[in-house]
Amino acid sequence: MDGFTALADPTRRGIVELLSQGEKDAGTIAGHFPISKPAISRHLAVLRDGRIVSVRRDAQRRIYSLRPEGLYDIDRWLSRYRGFWADRLDDLERVLKEEG
């Protein structure tokens, strides 16, 4: 599975946002969402398969953190389109200045 597929779901994007603040155990992650712990576990598995998060064991707990390299793949793909938006924003700025 690729990172885009892993991030297609809003709950998984929410998990990534939560983990951007630092690593968290599965229970803490589950506490932030109005869905069951098994559902969170499935979302975490998809994020692991997409190489977006990693997991390590700490006794009975599973600790999740972001994997920067998984996000780099997405960033590399998006970088092709940044110039497009920059050009469009420059055009908008020019038009606004001309009208103002």
Protein backbone atom coordinates (compact mmCIF):
# COMPACT_ATOMS: atom_id res chain seq x y z
CA MET A 1 0.00 0.00 0.00
CA ASP A 2 1.24 3.49 -0.73
CA GLY A 3 1.15 6.54 1.50
CA PHE A 4 -1.64 8.22 -0.47
CA THR A 5 -3.95 5.28 0.08
CA ALA A 6 -3.01 5.19 3.75
CA LEU A 7 -3.87 8.88 4.12
CA ALA A 8 -7.13 8.70 2.14
CA ASP A 9 -9.23 8.30 5.28
CA PRO A 10 -9.91 11.32 7.54
CA THR A 11 -9.41 9.26 10.72
CA ARG A 12 -5.96 8.18 9.54
CA ARG A 13 -5.09 11.79 8.70
CA GLY A 14 -6.21 12.70 12.22
CA ILE A 15 -3.93 10.03 13.65
CA VAL A 16 -1.03 11.45 11.66
CA GLU A 17 -1.81 14.94 12.98
CA LEU A 18 -1.90 13.57 16.52
CA LEU A 19 1.43 11.77 16.05
CA SER A 20 3.00 14.93 14.65
CA GLN A 21 2.99 16.12 18.28
CA GLY A 22 5.06 13.10 19.35
CA GLU A 23 4.81 9.37 19.79
CA LYS A 24 1.72 7.95 21.46
CA ASP A 25 0.55 4.56 22.63
CA ALA A 26 -2.43 2.93 20.95
CA GLY A 27 -4.75 3.61 23.89
CA THR A 28 -3.98 7.31 23.87
CA ILE A 29 -4.57 7.46 20.14
CA ALA A 30 -7.89 5.63 20.49
CA GLY A 31 -8.99 8.09 23.19
CA HIS A 32 -8.95 10.93 20.65
CA PHE A 33 -11.48 9.37 18.28
CA PRO A 34 -15.16 8.41 18.65
CA ILE A 35 -14.64 4.92 17.23
CA SER A 36 -13.78 1.56 18.77
CA LYS A 37 -10.26 0.49 19.71
CA PRO A 38 -10.37 -2.34 17.14
CA ALA A 39 -11.23 0.22 14.44
CA ILE A 40 -8.28 2.39 15.53
CA SER A 41 -6.09 -0.70 15.44
CA ARG A 42 -7.12 -1.33 11.82
CA HIS A 43 -6.38 2.29 10.92
CA LEU A 44 -2.94 2.01 12.54
CA ALA A 45 -2.28 -1.18 10.57
CA VAL A 46 -3.07 0.64 7.32
CA LEU A 47 -0.74 3.49 8.30
CA ARG A 48 2.01 0.94 9.08
CA ASP A 49 1.46 -0.81 5.74
CA GLY A 50 1.68 2.58 4.03
CA ARG A 51 4.99 3.26 5.80
CA ILE A 52 3.54 6.38 7.44
CA VAL A 53 3.93 5.21 11.05
CA SER A 54 6.16 2.79 12.91
CA VAL A 55 5.43 0.85 16.07
CA ARG A 56 7.59 -0.41 18.90
CA ARG A 57 6.72 -2.46 21.94
CA ASP A 58 7.17 -1.13 25.46
CA ALA A 59 6.13 -4.00 27.75
CA GLN A 60 2.39 -4.41 27.09
CA ARG A 61 2.02 -1.16 25.17
CA ARG A 62 2.51 -0.43 21.51
CA ILE A 63 4.03 2.97 20.88
CA TYR A 64 3.41 4.64 17.50
CA SER A 65 5.42 7.38 15.83
CA LEU A 66 5.61 9.00 12.41
CA ARG A 67 8.05 7.66 9.84
CA PRO A 68 9.50 10.68 8.04
CA GLU A 69 10.59 8.58 5.06
CA GLY A 70 6.97 7.60 4.36
CA LEU A 71 6.00 11.25 4.29
CA TYR A 72 9.00 12.12 2.09
CA ASP A 73 7.55 9.97 -0.70
CA ILE A 74 4.37 12.04 -0.62
CA ASP A 75 6.32 15.28 -0.37
CA ARG A 76 8.43 14.32 -3.40
CA TRP A 77 5.29 13.71 -5.44
CA LEU A 78 3.71 16.98 -4.31
CA SER A 79 6.89 18.96 -5.08
CA ARG A 80 6.14 18.60 -8.80
CA TYR A 81 3.02 20.71 -8.32
CA ARG A 82 4.28 23.41 -5.96
CA GLY A 83 5.51 25.53 -8.85
CA PHE A 84 2.05 25.45 -10.37
CA TRP A 85 0.50 26.92 -7.22
CA ALA A 86 3.30 29.43 -6.72
CA ASP A 87 2.80 30.72 -10.27
CA ARG A 88 -0.97 30.98 -9.76
CA LEU A 89 -0.56 32.84 -6.48
CA ASP A 90 1.91 35.23 -8.12
CA ASP A 91 -0.65 35.86 -10.89
CA LEU A 92 -3.37 36.52 -8.29
CA GLU A 93 -1.13 38.93 -6.40
CA ARG A 94 -0.38 40.82 -9.62
CA VAL A 95 -4.09 41.09 -10.51
CA LEU A 96 -5.02 42.27 -7.03
CA LYS A 97 -2.34 44.96 -7.12
CA GLU A 98 -3.52 46.11 -10.55
CA GLU A 99 -7.13 46.37 -9.33
CA GLY A 100 -6.20 47.99 -6.00
